[in-house]
Amino acid sequence: MAYCLHVTLARRLHALAPGLTPRSVLEKFAAMQMIDVHLPTTDGRELVLTRYTEPEPELSLLLNKLKLELPARTTPQNHRCACAADPVVVPTFGSPPQ
């Protein structure tokens, strides 16, 4: 599978960005980070925010050259938290101790 992806990337690079190797492109993409931020709410739900780092100008140019687009930043998604039955509540100032 990895070999197929490597060859596919090499062919795409040959057509759209000659002179670049799959290894160099993957090294550039390694700087890009994407994460899902999970924020629990007090009513047992969980907000999930998908975020990624802004690409460096060199990576933006490569994305444009390869005709690739980053996914749109989505609005928060509500999920039922798996720990809804036993939520973790952190006491704050002014709240009575439990």
Protein backbone atom coordinates (compact mmCIF):
# COMPACT_ATOMS: atom_id res chain seq x y z
CA MET A 1 0.00 0.00 0.00
CA ALA A 2 2.78 2.41 0.96
CA TYR A 3 4.60 1.61 -2.28
CA CYS A 4 1.46 2.37 -4.31
CA LEU A 5 1.04 5.72 -2.57
CA HIS A 6 4.73 6.51 -3.12
CA VAL A 7 4.51 5.73 -6.84
CA THR A 8 1.26 7.68 -7.20
CA LEU A 9 2.85 10.71 -5.54
CA ALA A 10 5.92 10.37 -7.79
CA ARG A 11 3.72 10.36 -10.92
CA ARG A 12 1.74 13.35 -9.71
CA LEU A 13 4.94 15.23 -8.96
CA HIS A 14 6.34 14.36 -12.36
CA ALA A 15 3.28 15.91 -14.02
CA LEU A 16 2.71 18.93 -11.76
CA ALA A 17 6.01 19.73 -10.04
CA PRO A 18 8.95 18.19 -11.90
CA GLY A 19 12.19 18.08 -9.98
CA LEU A 20 10.62 17.25 -6.62
CA THR A 21 10.91 13.81 -5.09
CA PRO A 22 8.21 12.08 -3.03
CA ARG A 23 10.58 12.01 -0.05
CA SER A 24 11.16 15.79 -0.13
CA VAL A 25 7.42 16.46 -0.42
CA LEU A 26 6.62 14.17 2.51
CA GLU A 27 9.29 15.93 4.59
CA LYS A 28 7.65 19.27 3.83
CA PHE A 29 4.21 17.91 4.72
CA ALA A 30 5.58 16.53 8.01
CA ALA A 31 5.65 20.10 9.35
CA MET A 32 1.87 20.32 8.95
CA GLN A 33 -0.03 19.28 12.05
CA MET A 34 -3.73 18.53 12.37
CA ILE A 35 -5.46 17.80 15.65
CA ASP A 36 -8.93 17.30 17.07
CA VAL A 37 -9.51 19.31 20.24
CA HIS A 38 -12.07 17.67 22.56
CA LEU A 39 -13.72 20.03 25.04
CA PRO A 40 -16.08 18.45 27.59
CA THR A 41 -19.14 20.48 28.60
CA THR A 42 -20.88 20.53 31.95
CA ASP A 43 -23.94 18.71 30.57
CA GLY A 44 -22.00 15.62 29.48
CA ARG A 45 -21.48 16.51 25.85
CA GLU A 46 -18.18 17.05 24.12
CA LEU A 47 -17.28 19.71 21.55
CA VAL A 48 -14.84 18.53 18.89
CA LEU A 49 -12.85 21.16 17.01
CA THR A 50 -10.64 20.08 14.11
CA ARG A 51 -7.66 22.41 13.78
CA TYR A 52 -4.46 22.48 11.77
CA THR A 53 -1.41 24.69 11.67
CA GLU A 54 -1.15 27.38 9.03
CA PRO A 55 1.18 26.15 6.30
CA GLU A 56 4.48 27.89 5.71
CA PRO A 57 4.63 29.91 2.46
CA GLU A 58 6.76 27.18 0.83
CA LEU A 59 4.20 24.53 1.75
CA SER A 60 1.34 26.73 0.51
CA LEU A 61 3.09 27.02 -2.83
CA LEU A 62 3.52 23.24 -2.97
CA LEU A 63 -0.16 22.70 -2.13
CA ASN A 64 -1.16 25.05 -4.96
CA LYS A 65 1.26 23.38 -7.39
CA LEU A 66 -0.17 19.93 -6.59
CA LYS A 67 -3.74 21.27 -6.78
CA LEU A 68 -4.47 20.23 -3.19
CA GLU A 69 -6.63 22.06 -0.67
CA LEU A 70 -6.68 21.80 3.09
CA PRO A 71 -10.04 20.82 4.58
CA ALA A 72 -12.20 23.70 5.73
CA ARG A 73 -12.12 24.51 9.41
CA THR A 74 -15.36 23.09 10.63
CA THR A 75 -17.73 24.42 13.23
CA PRO A 76 -17.73 22.61 16.58
CA GLN A 77 -19.44 19.24 16.57
CA ASN A 78 -21.41 18.00 19.57
CA HIS A 79 -20.79 14.45 20.71
CA ARG A 80 -22.14 12.57 23.67
CA CYS A 81 -19.17 12.09 25.97
CA ALA A 82 -18.37 8.48 26.87
CA CYS A 83 -17.80 9.62 30.44
CA ALA A 84 -21.20 11.36 30.76
CA ALA A 85 -22.26 9.04 33.56
CA ASP A 86 -19.27 10.06 35.70
CA PRO A 87 -18.27 13.61 34.68
CA VAL A 88 -15.12 15.09 36.12
CA VAL A 89 -15.95 18.35 37.87
CA VAL A 90 -13.13 20.62 38.95
CA PRO A 91 -14.07 22.85 41.90
CA THR A 92 -13.57 26.53 41.21
CA PHE A 93 -13.58 29.57 43.43
CA GLY A 94 -17.00 30.18 44.93
CA SER A 95 -18.30 26.64 44.37
CA PRO A 96 -19.04 24.49 47.40
CA PRO A 97 -16.72 21.51 47.90
CA GLN A 98 -18.20 18.13 47.03
